């Protein structure tokens, strides 16, 4: 794999004693320029290495939404966890490696799993990329779950807010998978958490999912959390699915429960 160019810092803002820093780099994996945010907690010493928690955003978001709206930095700062918020561009990429010619540059799976961790390891000595966890929202929740299940050796834990857990059976997933992966259903299954859990179920940390019960997309049958719950039950995978009364699909919902998620990962990262 070609190595990325060194990332350029484009902004820095102090928050909860640490810093939100935004970077830009050219991605050989995607063939385009990408941005990402890192939240660095305050460091106890110059040689201290922090574990890392990757955030994958939903359909219409960039790397900025999570940093501006989630409030995740407060607990990340006190728990000593670096947050990485990635760009979603290509914006509706579903965190997969597209196989169809028209979309062949859309290799978001490889970018998240391979290129970005290598880039961080090379350029940020204060980040211990071997201690990593992953979480996300909606399409990003789908990304986090599928990436985690296929790389149980690389991530200590996973969680999600209102994830698309069974894309082969929902309109969003069917449309995206047809575009990016073609008509071959077997290829689709490789990016479906409900299907993958039957193959990759040696899960050590409990999977945490929060889902608002007033979420429009839950009622539109886009998210299908109970399909994933049933699949986990069949193979005895520890899942904590919390249906949250009255909450929708927005960052108001995410901000309400973000502290639980950061602590869930901090515990798995052995802090």
Protein backbone atom coordinates (compact mmCIF):
# COMPACT_ATOMS: atom_id res chain seq x y z
CA UNK A 1 0.00 0.00 0.00
CA UNK A 2 1.33 3.44 -0.93
CA UNK A 3 1.96 5.55 2.14
CA UNK A 4 0.02 8.75 2.73
CA UNK A 5 1.70 12.12 2.64
CA UNK A 6 2.28 13.78 6.00
CA UNK A 7 -0.96 15.36 7.28
CA UNK A 8 -1.13 19.16 7.49
CA UNK A 9 -2.69 20.75 10.56
CA UNK A 10 -5.44 23.15 9.48
CA UNK A 11 -6.96 24.15 12.83
CA UNK A 12 -6.43 23.77 16.58
CA UNK A 13 -8.86 24.60 19.41
CA UNK A 14 -8.39 24.02 23.12
CA UNK A 15 -11.17 22.12 24.89
CA UNK A 16 -11.35 20.43 28.32
CA UNK A 17 -7.59 20.89 28.75
CA UNK A 18 -6.83 19.11 25.47
CA UNK A 19 -6.99 20.10 21.82
CA UNK A 20 -9.25 19.50 18.84
CA UNK A 21 -6.89 19.48 15.87
CA UNK A 22 -8.02 19.15 12.25
CA UNK A 23 -5.75 17.70 9.58
CA UNK A 24 -5.77 17.35 5.83
CA UNK A 25 -3.90 14.78 3.75
CA UNK A 26 -3.93 13.15 0.35
CA UNK A 27 -5.16 9.55 0.55
CA UNK A 28 -3.61 7.10 -1.95
CA UNK A 29 -6.30 4.56 -0.98
CA UNK A 30 -9.13 6.88 -2.05
CA UNK A 31 -7.31 8.97 -4.63
CA UNK A 32 -8.49 12.22 -3.06
CA UNK A 33 -7.80 14.71 -0.30
CA UNK A 34 -9.24 13.82 3.13
CA UNK A 35 -9.67 15.63 6.43
CA UNK A 36 -9.89 14.21 9.94
CA UNK A 37 -10.04 15.55 13.50
CA UNK A 38 -8.01 14.36 16.46
CA UNK A 39 -8.92 15.25 20.01
CA UNK A 40 -5.78 15.01 22.13
CA UNK A 41 -6.48 14.84 25.90
CA UNK A 42 -4.08 16.70 28.22
CA UNK A 43 -0.90 14.64 28.52
CA UNK A 44 0.54 13.66 31.91
CA UNK A 45 4.07 13.47 30.42
CA UNK A 46 5.86 13.99 27.07
CA UNK A 47 6.39 10.24 26.65
CA UNK A 48 2.79 9.25 27.45
CA UNK A 49 0.99 7.22 24.79
CA UNK A 50 -2.81 7.37 24.51
CA UNK A 51 -5.16 4.65 23.28
CA UNK A 52 -7.35 5.64 20.34
CA UNK A 53 -11.09 5.61 19.69
CA UNK A 54 -12.26 6.01 16.08
CA UNK A 55 -15.61 7.65 15.31
CA UNK A 56 -17.38 6.89 12.01
CA UNK A 57 -20.06 9.40 11.01
CA UNK A 58 -23.39 8.97 9.27
CA UNK A 59 -24.58 9.70 5.75
CA UNK A 60 -24.69 13.49 5.59
CA UNK A 61 -21.88 14.26 8.06
CA UNK A 62 -18.23 15.29 7.78
CA UNK A 63 -15.49 14.97 10.40
CA UNK A 64 -16.75 18.24 11.95
CA UNK A 65 -20.24 17.23 13.18
CA UNK A 66 -19.03 14.88 15.91
CA UNK A 67 -16.34 17.27 17.14
CA UNK A 68 -18.74 20.21 17.32
CA UNK A 69 -21.93 18.52 18.55
CA UNK A 70 -21.30 15.32 20.52
CA UNK A 71 -19.62 16.66 23.68
CA UNK A 72 -17.41 13.53 23.67
CA UNK A 73 -14.29 15.48 24.60
CA UNK A 74 -15.24 15.97 28.27
CA UNK A 75 -15.02 12.28 29.18
CA UNK A 76 -12.31 11.52 26.59
CA UNK A 77 -10.22 14.14 28.35
CA UNK A 78 -10.78 12.74 31.86
CA UNK A 79 -10.38 9.11 30.70
CA UNK A 80 -7.26 9.86 28.62
CA UNK A 81 -8.51 8.60 25.25
CA UNK A 82 -7.61 10.12 21.88
CA UNK A 83 -10.65 10.58 19.60
CA UNK A 84 -10.32 10.33 15.82
CA UNK A 85 -13.25 11.66 13.78
CA UNK A 86 -12.88 10.66 10.16
CA UNK A 87 -14.27 12.28 7.04
CA UNK A 88 -17.10 10.35 5.41
CA UNK A 89 -16.10 11.40 1.94
CA UNK A 90 -16.83 9.72 -0.31
CA UNK A 91 -19.90 10.81 1.59
CA UNK A 92 -22.22 7.82 1.28
CA UNK A 93 -19.45 5.26 1.02
CA UNK A 94 -20.89 2.84 3.61
CA UNK A 95 -17.33 2.07 4.80
CA UNK A 96 -16.84 -0.66 2.23
CA UNK A 97 -14.45 -1.34 -0.65
CA UNK A 98 -16.47 -0.74 -3.81
CA UNK A 99 -15.99 -3.21 -6.65
CA UNK A 100 -18.03 -1.55 -9.43
CA UNK A 101 -16.00 0.46 -11.96
CA UNK A 102 -17.88 3.71 -11.51
CA UNK A 103 -17.10 3.77 -7.77
CA UNK A 104 -13.79 1.90 -7.70
CA UNK A 105 -11.97 4.69 -5.80
CA UNK A 106 -14.40 4.29 -2.91
CA UNK A 107 -12.26 2.11 -0.65
CA UNK A 108 -13.35 3.46 2.73
CA UNK A 109 -12.93 0.11 4.46
CA UNK A 110 -9.21 0.04 3.58
CA UNK A 111 -8.84 3.70 4.48
CA UNK A 112 -10.25 3.19 8.00
CA UNK A 113 -8.68 -0.21 8.73
CA UNK A 114 -5.28 0.20 7.05
CA UNK A 115 -4.30 3.64 5.79
CA UNK A 116 -5.46 5.86 8.66
CA UNK A 117 -3.95 3.79 11.53
CA UNK A 118 -0.63 3.60 9.61
CA UNK A 119 -0.73 7.38 9.07
CA UNK A 120 -1.37 7.98 12.78
CA UNK A 121 1.38 5.59 13.84
CA UNK A 122 3.88 7.30 11.54
CA UNK A 123 3.05 10.90 12.44
CA UNK A 124 1.76 10.98 16.02
CA UNK A 125 4.10 9.23 18.49
CA UNK A 126 1.73 10.08 21.38
CA UNK A 127 -0.93 7.71 19.94
CA UNK A 128 -0.71 3.96 20.65
CA UNK A 129 -2.51 2.59 17.59
CA UNK A 130 -2.27 -0.98 18.95
CA UNK A 131 -4.86 -0.04 21.62
CA UNK A 132 -7.87 0.92 19.51
CA UNK A 133 -11.65 0.82 19.67
CA UNK A 134 -14.30 1.97 17.22
CA UNK A 135 -17.82 3.43 17.28
CA UNK A 136 -20.20 5.34 15.04
CA UNK A 137 -23.66 6.63 14.15
CA UNK A 138 -26.18 5.31 11.60
CA UNK A 139 -24.14 4.44 8.46
CA UNK A 140 -21.07 4.91 10.67
CA UNK A 141 -22.54 2.53 13.24
CA UNK A 142 -22.81 -0.01 10.42
CA UNK A 143 -19.17 0.75 9.54
CA UNK A 144 -17.98 0.38 13.12
CA UNK A 145 -19.77 -2.93 13.70
CA UNK A 146 -18.68 -4.55 10.43
CA UNK A 147 -15.09 -3.34 10.70
CA UNK A 148 -14.89 -4.53 14.32
CA UNK A 149 -16.31 -7.97 13.60
CA UNK A 150 -13.91 -8.55 10.69
CA UNK A 151 -10.90 -7.28 12.68
CA UNK A 152 -11.35 -8.55 16.22
CA UNK A 153 -7.56 -8.61 16.59
CA UNK A 154 -7.31 -4.86 15.85
CA UNK A 155 -10.05 -3.37 18.05
CA UNK A 156 -10.79 -3.87 21.75
CA UNK A 157 -14.47 -2.87 21.65
CA UNK A 158 -17.31 -1.46 19.56
CA UNK A 159 -20.44 0.61 20.14
CA UNK A 160 -22.99 2.39 18.00
CA UNK A 161 -25.80 4.91 17.96
CA UNK A 162 -28.81 3.97 15.79
CA UNK A 163 -26.70 1.78 13.46
CA UNK A 164 -27.82 0.30 10.13
CA UNK A 165 -27.25 -3.28 11.30
CA UNK A 166 -28.88 -5.30 8.53
CA UNK A 167 -28.26 -3.31 5.31
CA UNK A 168 -29.01 -6.22 2.96
CA UNK A 169 -32.62 -6.01 4.21
CA UNK A 170 -33.18 -2.21 4.22
CA UNK A 171 -33.69 0.30 1.38
CA UNK A 172 -30.59 2.40 2.15
CA UNK A 173 -28.34 -0.66 2.18
CA UNK A 174 -29.86 -2.28 -0.89
CA UNK A 175 -29.40 0.90 -2.92
CA UNK A 176 -25.81 1.47 -1.77
CA UNK A 177 -24.75 -2.16 -2.12
CA UNK A 178 -26.21 -2.45 -5.63
CA UNK A 179 -24.25 0.66 -6.66
CA UNK A 180 -20.93 -0.24 -5.03
CA UNK A 181 -20.89 -4.04 -5.02
CA UNK A 182 -23.15 -4.97 -7.92
CA UNK A 183 -25.84 -7.63 -7.84
CA UNK A 184 -23.83 -10.35 -6.09
CA UNK A 185 -25.58 -10.94 -2.77
CA UNK A 186 -22.64 -12.90 -1.34
CA UNK A 187 -20.52 -9.72 -1.63
CA UNK A 188 -23.23 -7.80 0.25
CA UNK A 189 -23.13 -10.20 3.19
CA UNK A 190 -19.47 -9.29 3.84
CA UNK A 191 -20.68 -5.84 4.94
CA UNK A 192 -23.75 -6.78 6.98
CA UNK A 193 -23.29 -6.92 10.77
CA UNK A 194 -26.30 -9.22 11.27
CA UNK A 195 -24.82 -11.70 8.82
CA UNK A 196 -21.18 -11.31 9.99
CA UNK A 197 -21.96 -12.00 13.65
CA UNK A 198 -22.67 -15.63 12.77
CA UNK A 199 -19.10 -15.97 11.39
CA UNK A 200 -17.09 -13.67 13.66
CA UNK A 201 -18.44 -14.15 17.15
CA UNK A 202 -15.37 -14.53 19.34
CA UNK A 203 -16.26 -11.17 20.89
CA UNK A 204 -14.69 -10.37 24.26
CA UNK A 205 -16.22 -6.97 25.13
CA UNK A 206 -19.98 -6.41 25.23
CA UNK A 207 -21.31 -4.66 22.11
CA UNK A 208 -23.15 -1.49 23.17
CA UNK A 209 -25.94 -0.05 20.98
CA UNK A 210 -28.22 2.88 21.82
CA UNK A 211 -31.34 3.36 19.70
CA UNK A 212 -33.97 6.10 20.13
CA UNK A 213 -37.52 4.74 19.90
CA UNK A 214 -38.76 7.96 18.22
CA UNK A 215 -36.17 7.61 15.45
CA UNK A 216 -37.90 8.12 12.09
CA UNK A 217 -35.52 5.67 10.42
CA UNK A 218 -36.31 2.96 12.97
CA UNK A 219 -39.98 3.19 11.95
CA UNK A 220 -39.02 3.30 8.25
CA UNK A 221 -37.30 -0.12 8.70
CA UNK A 222 -33.84 1.23 7.83
CA UNK A 223 -32.09 0.27 11.09
CA UNK A 224 -33.53 -3.12 12.14
CA UNK A 225 -31.81 -3.43 15.55
CA UNK A 226 -33.86 -6.46 16.57
CA UNK A 227 -32.51 -8.48 13.63
CA UNK A 228 -29.00 -7.94 15.00
CA UNK A 229 -30.17 -8.65 18.54
CA UNK A 230 -31.60 -12.00 17.44
CA UNK A 231 -28.42 -12.87 15.50
CA UNK A 232 -26.28 -12.09 18.59
CA UNK A 233 -28.55 -14.21 20.79
CA UNK A 234 -28.15 -17.20 18.47
CA UNK A 235 -24.35 -17.23 18.83
CA UNK A 236 -24.21 -16.01 22.46
CA UNK A 237 -22.53 -12.69 21.67
CA UNK A 238 -22.84 -10.19 24.55
CA UNK A 239 -24.98 -7.30 23.31
CA UNK A 240 -26.42 -4.42 25.31
CA UNK A 241 -29.14 -2.91 23.11
CA UNK A 242 -30.72 0.04 24.88
CA UNK A 243 -33.96 1.36 23.41
CA UNK A 244 -34.11 4.99 24.56
CA UNK A 245 -37.70 6.32 24.91
CA UNK A 246 -38.47 9.56 23.08
CA UNK A 247 -35.09 10.03 21.37
CA UNK A 248 -34.63 10.56 17.63
CA UNK A 249 -31.72 10.04 15.17
CA UNK A 250 -29.93 13.34 15.88
CA UNK A 251 -26.83 14.57 17.68
CA UNK A 252 -29.08 15.59 20.61
CA UNK A 253 -29.57 11.86 21.13
CA UNK A 254 -25.86 11.12 20.65
CA UNK A 255 -24.79 13.87 23.09
CA UNK A 256 -27.19 12.49 25.73
CA UNK A 257 -25.54 9.06 25.85
CA UNK A 258 -21.99 9.74 24.59
CA UNK A 259 -20.41 9.57 28.07
CA UNK A 260 -21.55 5.96 28.52
CA UNK A 261 -19.95 5.05 25.19
CA UNK A 262 -16.60 6.72 25.94
CA UNK A 263 -16.46 4.95 29.32
CA UNK A 264 -17.43 1.64 27.69
CA UNK A 265 -14.41 1.93 25.40
CA UNK A 266 -12.05 3.32 28.05
CA UNK A 267 -12.73 0.21 30.13
CA UNK A 268 -12.01 -2.11 27.19
CA UNK A 269 -8.84 -0.18 26.37
CA UNK A 270 -7.64 -1.13 29.90
CA UNK A 271 -7.49 2.31 31.38
